[in-house]
C-alpha atoms as a PDB file:
ATOM      1  CA  MET A   1     -40.320  27.763   1.235  1.00  0.00           C
ATOM      2  CA  SER A   2     -36.711  28.319   2.309  1.00  0.00           C
ATOM      3  CA  ASN A   3     -34.539  26.686   4.977  1.00  0.00           C
ATOM      4  CA  GLN A   4     -32.871  30.037   5.573  1.00  0.00           C
ATOM      5  CA  SER A   5     -32.708  31.446   9.092  1.00  0.00           C
ATOM      6  CA  PRO A   6     -34.499  34.734   9.686  1.00  0.00           C
ATOM      7  CA  GLY A   7     -32.234  37.738   9.301  1.00  0.00           C
ATOM      8  CA  GLN A   8     -29.814  36.039   6.868  1.00  0.00           C
ATOM      9  CA  PRO A   9     -29.366  37.597   3.461  1.00  0.00           C
ATOM     10  CA  PRO A  10     -30.767  35.589   0.526  1.00  0.00           C
ATOM     11  CA  GLY A  11     -28.378  32.859  -0.560  1.00  0.00           C
ATOM     12  CA  ALA A  12     -26.359  32.888   2.687  1.00  0.00           C
ATOM     13  CA  ASP A  13     -27.291  29.280   3.476  1.00  0.00           C
ATOM     14  CA  ALA A  14     -26.288  28.184  -0.022  1.00  0.00           C
ATOM     15  CA  ALA A  15     -23.008  30.099   0.263  1.00  0.00           C
ATOM     16  CA  GLU A  16     -22.205  28.381   3.579  1.00  0.00           C
ATOM     17  CA  ARG A  17     -23.015  24.974   2.113  1.00  0.00           C
ATOM     18  CA  LEU A  18     -20.866  25.717  -0.927  1.00  0.00           C
ATOM     19  CA  ALA A  19     -17.964  26.802   1.286  1.00  0.00           C
ATOM     20  CA  GLU A  20     -18.317  23.593   3.328  1.00  0.00           C
ATOM     21  CA  LEU A  21     -18.363  21.453   0.182  1.00  0.00           C
ATOM     22  CA  GLU A  22     -15.316  23.249  -1.210  1.00  0.00           C
ATOM     23  CA  SER A  23     -13.498  22.674   2.082  1.00  0.00           C
ATOM     24  CA  ARG A  24     -14.345  18.979   2.037  1.00  0.00           C
ATOM     25  CA  LEU A  25     -13.283  18.660  -1.591  1.00  0.00           C
ATOM     26  CA  GLU A  26      -9.913  20.281  -0.822  1.00  0.00           C
ATOM     27  CA  PHE A  27      -9.409  17.880   2.102  1.00  0.00           C
ATOM     28  CA  GLN A  28     -10.274  14.890  -0.088  1.00  0.00           C
ATOM     29  CA  ASP A  29      -7.928  16.078  -2.843  1.00  0.00           C
ATOM     30  CA  GLU A  30      -5.101  16.430  -0.321  1.00  0.00           C
ATOM     31  CA  THR A  31      -5.812  13.003   1.163  1.00  0.00           C
ATOM     32  CA  LEU A  32      -5.945  11.402  -2.267  1.00  0.00           C
ATOM     33  CA  SER A  33      -2.617  12.971  -3.192  1.00  0.00           C
ATOM     34  CA  LYS A  34      -0.985  11.680   0.022  1.00  0.00           C
ATOM     35  CA  LEU A  35      -2.383   8.192  -0.549  1.00  0.00           C
ATOM     36  CA  ASN A  36      -1.130   8.208  -4.123  1.00  0.00           C
ATOM     37  CA  ASP A  37       2.372   9.207  -2.951  1.00  0.00           C
ATOM     38  CA  GLU A  38       2.364   6.359  -0.426  1.00  0.00           C
ATOM     39  CA  LEU A  39       1.170   3.910  -3.052  1.00  0.00           C
ATOM     40  CA  VAL A  40       4.023   4.903  -5.359  1.00  0.00           C
ATOM     41  CA  LEU A  41       6.555   4.397  -2.541  1.00  0.00           C
ATOM     42  CA  HIS A  42       5.096   0.982  -1.693  1.00  0.00           C
ATOM     43  CA  GLN A  43       5.188  -0.113  -5.325  1.00  0.00           C
ATOM     44  CA  GLN A  44       8.834   0.948  -5.602  1.00  0.00           C
ATOM     45  CA  ARG A  45       9.659  -1.029  -2.454  1.00  0.00           C
ATOM     46  CA  ILE A  46       7.831  -4.098  -3.771  1.00  0.00           C
ATOM     47  CA  SER A  47       9.762  -3.874  -7.042  1.00  0.00           C
ATOM     48  CA  GLU A  48      13.064  -3.644  -5.148  1.00  0.00           C
ATOM     49  CA  LEU A  49      12.162  -6.684  -3.042  1.00  0.00           C
ATOM     50  CA  GLU A  50      11.101  -8.675  -6.116  1.00  0.00           C
ATOM     51  CA  LYS A  51      14.492  -7.959  -7.721  1.00  0.00           C
ATOM     52  CA  LYS A  52      16.303  -9.052  -4.559  1.00  0.00           C
ATOM     53  CA  VAL A  53      14.317 -12.295  -4.382  1.00  0.00           C
ATOM     54  CA  ALA A  54      15.041 -13.010  -8.058  1.00  0.00           C
ATOM     55  CA  LEU A  55      18.759 -12.383  -7.463  1.00  0.00           C
ATOM     56  CA  MET A  56      18.757 -14.658  -4.421  1.00  0.00           C
ATOM     57  CA  MET A  57      17.036 -17.392  -6.420  1.00  0.00           C
ATOM     58  CA  GLU A  58      19.719 -17.123  -9.117  1.00  0.00           C
ATOM     59  CA  ARG A  59      22.532 -17.330  -6.567  1.00  0.00           C
ATOM     60  CA  TRP A  60      21.016 -20.129  -4.490  1.00  0.00           C
ATOM     61  CA  PRO A  61      22.675 -23.461  -5.258  1.00  0.00           C
ATOM     62  CA  ARG A  62      20.355 -25.389  -7.531  1.00  0.00           C
ATOM     63  CA  GLY A  63      20.822 -28.631  -5.600  1.00  0.00           C
ATOM     64  CA  GLN A  64      19.392 -27.115  -2.432  1.00  0.00           C
ATOM     65  CA  LEU A  65      16.197 -26.086  -4.197  1.00  0.00           C
ATOM     66  CA  ASP A  66      15.561 -29.634  -5.423  1.00  0.00           C
ATOM     67  CA  HIS A  67      16.503 -31.243  -2.123  1.00  0.00           C
ATOM     68  CA  ASP A  68      13.841 -33.327  -0.371  1.00  0.00           C
ATOM     69  CA  PRO A  69      13.999 -32.768   3.420  1.00  0.00           C
ATOM     70  CA  ALA A  70      12.496 -36.223   4.008  1.00  0.00           C
ATOM     71  CA  GLU A  71      15.703 -37.800   2.665  1.00  0.00           C
ATOM     72  CA  GLU A  72      17.782 -36.044   5.311  1.00  0.00           C
ATOM     73  CA  PRO A  73      18.915 -38.129   8.295  1.00  0.00           C
ATOM     74  CA  PRO A  74      17.283 -37.207  11.610  1.00  0.00           C
ATOM     75  CA  PRO A  75      19.166 -34.838  13.895  1.00  0.00           C
ATOM     76  CA  PRO A  76      21.455 -36.411  16.536  1.00  0.00           C
ATOM     77  CA  HIS A  77      19.021 -35.912  19.415  1.00  0.00           C
ATOM     78  CA  TYR A  78      16.531 -38.450  17.969  1.00  0.00           C
END
């Protein structure tokens, strides 16, 4: 028993399904490639930001990092 429509040559349904699958595969390959490119760009940006944070931490005065805000006097409006 075949799911083929009357009047279609043998294998036409399979050929249409194969063409559809090939089209979907091409779309998925293209999408995957675009996502990969974006991922690479994001990773580069993250690496740049990590370097900047590390540089800022080196330049930040050490005393300010160890400072306890509770020891600070209250602002003048209190």
